[in-house]
């Protein structure tokens, strides 16, 4: 299994991410300032300027000026994560 940190620029649709983040907050279960929906956890840092969206394998950090950072072990893990986000967007 390959491991590592993947950093991308300009490939994330920020409107899509913010919409999915909002849906997770609206329809998910809240525990300790974290929201969970369909295997995805969403939360912010203390000041609310940075969003975190993750599952068991993929972590996405999204902040000021549409800067973001992914951390995932494989392309398959990333693809599965993206599929979960799209499912949340289409079902809620």
C-alpha atoms as a PDB file:
ATOM      1  CA  UNK A   1       0.000   0.000   0.000  1.00  0.00           C
ATOM      2  CA  UNK A   2       1.395   3.375  -0.904  1.00  0.00           C
ATOM      3  CA  UNK A   3       1.396   6.002   1.801  1.00  0.00           C
ATOM      4  CA  UNK A   4       1.963   9.683   1.810  1.00  0.00           C
ATOM      5  CA  UNK A   5       0.463  13.102   1.812  1.00  0.00           C
ATOM      6  CA  UNK A   6      -1.176  14.410  -1.315  1.00  0.00           C
ATOM      7  CA  UNK A   7      -1.538  18.163  -1.763  1.00  0.00           C
ATOM      8  CA  UNK A   8      -3.633  19.521  -4.609  1.00  0.00           C
ATOM      9  CA  UNK A   9      -4.499  22.988  -5.842  1.00  0.00           C
ATOM     10  CA  UNK A  10      -7.533  24.193  -7.774  1.00  0.00           C
ATOM     11  CA  UNK A  11      -9.188  20.794  -8.162  1.00  0.00           C
ATOM     12  CA  UNK A  12     -11.640  20.972  -5.285  1.00  0.00           C
ATOM     13  CA  UNK A  13     -15.040  22.525  -5.999  1.00  0.00           C
ATOM     14  CA  UNK A  14     -15.375  24.755  -2.945  1.00  0.00           C
ATOM     15  CA  UNK A  15     -19.132  25.292  -3.431  1.00  0.00           C
ATOM     16  CA  UNK A  16     -19.639  21.528  -3.521  1.00  0.00           C
ATOM     17  CA  UNK A  17     -17.572  21.019  -0.365  1.00  0.00           C
ATOM     18  CA  UNK A  18     -19.357  23.780   1.551  1.00  0.00           C
ATOM     19  CA  UNK A  19     -22.748  22.432   0.476  1.00  0.00           C
ATOM     20  CA  UNK A  20     -21.846  18.893   1.612  1.00  0.00           C
ATOM     21  CA  UNK A  21     -20.373  20.214   4.868  1.00  0.00           C
ATOM     22  CA  UNK A  22     -23.647  22.050   5.556  1.00  0.00           C
ATOM     23  CA  UNK A  23     -25.691  18.917   4.786  1.00  0.00           C
ATOM     24  CA  UNK A  24     -23.572  16.856   7.180  1.00  0.00           C
ATOM     25  CA  UNK A  25     -24.216  19.468   9.878  1.00  0.00           C
ATOM     26  CA  UNK A  26     -27.946  19.590   9.111  1.00  0.00           C
ATOM     27  CA  UNK A  27     -28.647  15.866   8.839  1.00  0.00           C
ATOM     28  CA  UNK A  28     -25.782  14.227  10.727  1.00  0.00           C
ATOM     29  CA  UNK A  29     -25.452  13.166  14.330  1.00  0.00           C
ATOM     30  CA  UNK A  30     -23.548  15.611  16.541  1.00  0.00           C
ATOM     31  CA  UNK A  31     -21.034  14.406  19.104  1.00  0.00           C
ATOM     32  CA  UNK A  32     -18.399  16.615  20.741  1.00  0.00           C
ATOM     33  CA  UNK A  33     -18.677  19.388  18.113  1.00  0.00           C
ATOM     34  CA  UNK A  34     -18.263  16.846  15.300  1.00  0.00           C
ATOM     35  CA  UNK A  35     -21.011  15.836  12.901  1.00  0.00           C
ATOM     36  CA  UNK A  36     -21.268  12.344  11.398  1.00  0.00           C
ATOM     37  CA  UNK A  37     -23.248  11.273   8.358  1.00  0.00           C
ATOM     38  CA  UNK A  38     -22.834   8.209   6.111  1.00  0.00           C
ATOM     39  CA  UNK A  39     -19.304   7.473   7.338  1.00  0.00           C
ATOM     40  CA  UNK A  40     -18.106  11.066   6.990  1.00  0.00           C
ATOM     41  CA  UNK A  41     -17.102  13.257   9.933  1.00  0.00           C
ATOM     42  CA  UNK A  42     -17.199  17.065   9.577  1.00  0.00           C
ATOM     43  CA  UNK A  43     -16.047  19.710  12.042  1.00  0.00           C
ATOM     44  CA  UNK A  44     -14.267  23.067  12.282  1.00  0.00           C
ATOM     45  CA  UNK A  45     -11.340  24.387  14.263  1.00  0.00           C
ATOM     46  CA  UNK A  46     -12.051  26.550  17.304  1.00  0.00           C
ATOM     47  CA  UNK A  47     -12.435  29.799  15.377  1.00  0.00           C
ATOM     48  CA  UNK A  48     -14.479  28.202  12.597  1.00  0.00           C
ATOM     49  CA  UNK A  49     -12.125  29.272   9.814  1.00  0.00           C
ATOM     50  CA  UNK A  50     -10.886  25.804   8.895  1.00  0.00           C
ATOM     51  CA  UNK A  51     -13.185  22.926   7.939  1.00  0.00           C
ATOM     52  CA  UNK A  52     -12.266  19.294   8.357  1.00  0.00           C
ATOM     53  CA  UNK A  53     -14.047  16.534   6.452  1.00  0.00           C
ATOM     54  CA  UNK A  54     -12.821  12.969   6.836  1.00  0.00           C
ATOM     55  CA  UNK A  55     -13.585   9.296   6.880  1.00  0.00           C
ATOM     56  CA  UNK A  56     -11.524   6.398   8.221  1.00  0.00           C
ATOM     57  CA  UNK A  57      -8.817   6.806   5.546  1.00  0.00           C
ATOM     58  CA  UNK A  58      -9.054  10.267   4.002  1.00  0.00           C
ATOM     59  CA  UNK A  59      -8.640  13.632   5.678  1.00  0.00           C
ATOM     60  CA  UNK A  60      -9.495  16.914   3.995  1.00  0.00           C
ATOM     61  CA  UNK A  61      -8.631  20.265   5.549  1.00  0.00           C
ATOM     62  CA  UNK A  62     -10.185  23.340   3.901  1.00  0.00           C
ATOM     63  CA  UNK A  63      -9.447  26.904   4.930  1.00  0.00           C
ATOM     64  CA  UNK A  64      -8.972  30.533   3.990  1.00  0.00           C
ATOM     65  CA  UNK A  65      -8.654  31.539   0.339  1.00  0.00           C
ATOM     66  CA  UNK A  66      -9.886  28.121  -0.795  1.00  0.00           C
ATOM     67  CA  UNK A  67      -6.659  26.504   0.398  1.00  0.00           C
ATOM     68  CA  UNK A  68      -7.027  22.804   1.017  1.00  0.00           C
ATOM     69  CA  UNK A  69      -5.006  19.748   1.851  1.00  0.00           C
ATOM     70  CA  UNK A  70      -5.849  16.076   1.368  1.00  0.00           C
ATOM     71  CA  UNK A  71      -4.162  13.221   3.185  1.00  0.00           C
ATOM     72  CA  UNK A  72      -4.935   9.700   1.967  1.00  0.00           C
ATOM     73  CA  UNK A  73      -3.143   6.373   1.564  1.00  0.00           C
ATOM     74  CA  UNK A  74      -4.248   5.478  -1.976  1.00  0.00           C
ATOM     75  CA  UNK A  75      -6.233   6.620  -4.985  1.00  0.00           C
ATOM     76  CA  UNK A  76      -8.882   3.999  -4.174  1.00  0.00           C
ATOM     77  CA  UNK A  77      -9.371   5.492  -0.694  1.00  0.00           C
ATOM     78  CA  UNK A  78      -9.697   8.966  -2.208  1.00  0.00           C
ATOM     79  CA  UNK A  79     -12.205   7.745  -4.814  1.00  0.00           C
ATOM     80  CA  UNK A  80     -14.328   6.093  -2.122  1.00  0.00           C
ATOM     81  CA  UNK A  81     -14.263   9.285  -0.042  1.00  0.00           C
ATOM     82  CA  UNK A  82     -15.325  11.373  -3.025  1.00  0.00           C
ATOM     83  CA  UNK A  83     -18.148   8.904  -3.731  1.00  0.00           C
ATOM     84  CA  UNK A  84     -19.426   9.294  -0.150  1.00  0.00           C
ATOM     85  CA  UNK A  85     -19.439  13.092  -0.474  1.00  0.00           C
ATOM     86  CA  UNK A  86     -21.385  12.898  -3.742  1.00  0.00           C
ATOM     87  CA  UNK A  87     -23.903  10.507  -2.161  1.00  0.00           C
ATOM     88  CA  UNK A  88     -24.482  12.906   0.728  1.00  0.00           C
ATOM     89  CA  UNK A  89     -24.952  15.762  -1.721  1.00  0.00           C
ATOM     90  CA  UNK A  90     -27.472  13.876  -3.862  1.00  0.00           C
ATOM     91  CA  UNK A  91     -29.471  12.249  -1.031  1.00  0.00           C
ATOM     92  CA  UNK A  92     -29.958  15.230   1.290  1.00  0.00           C
END
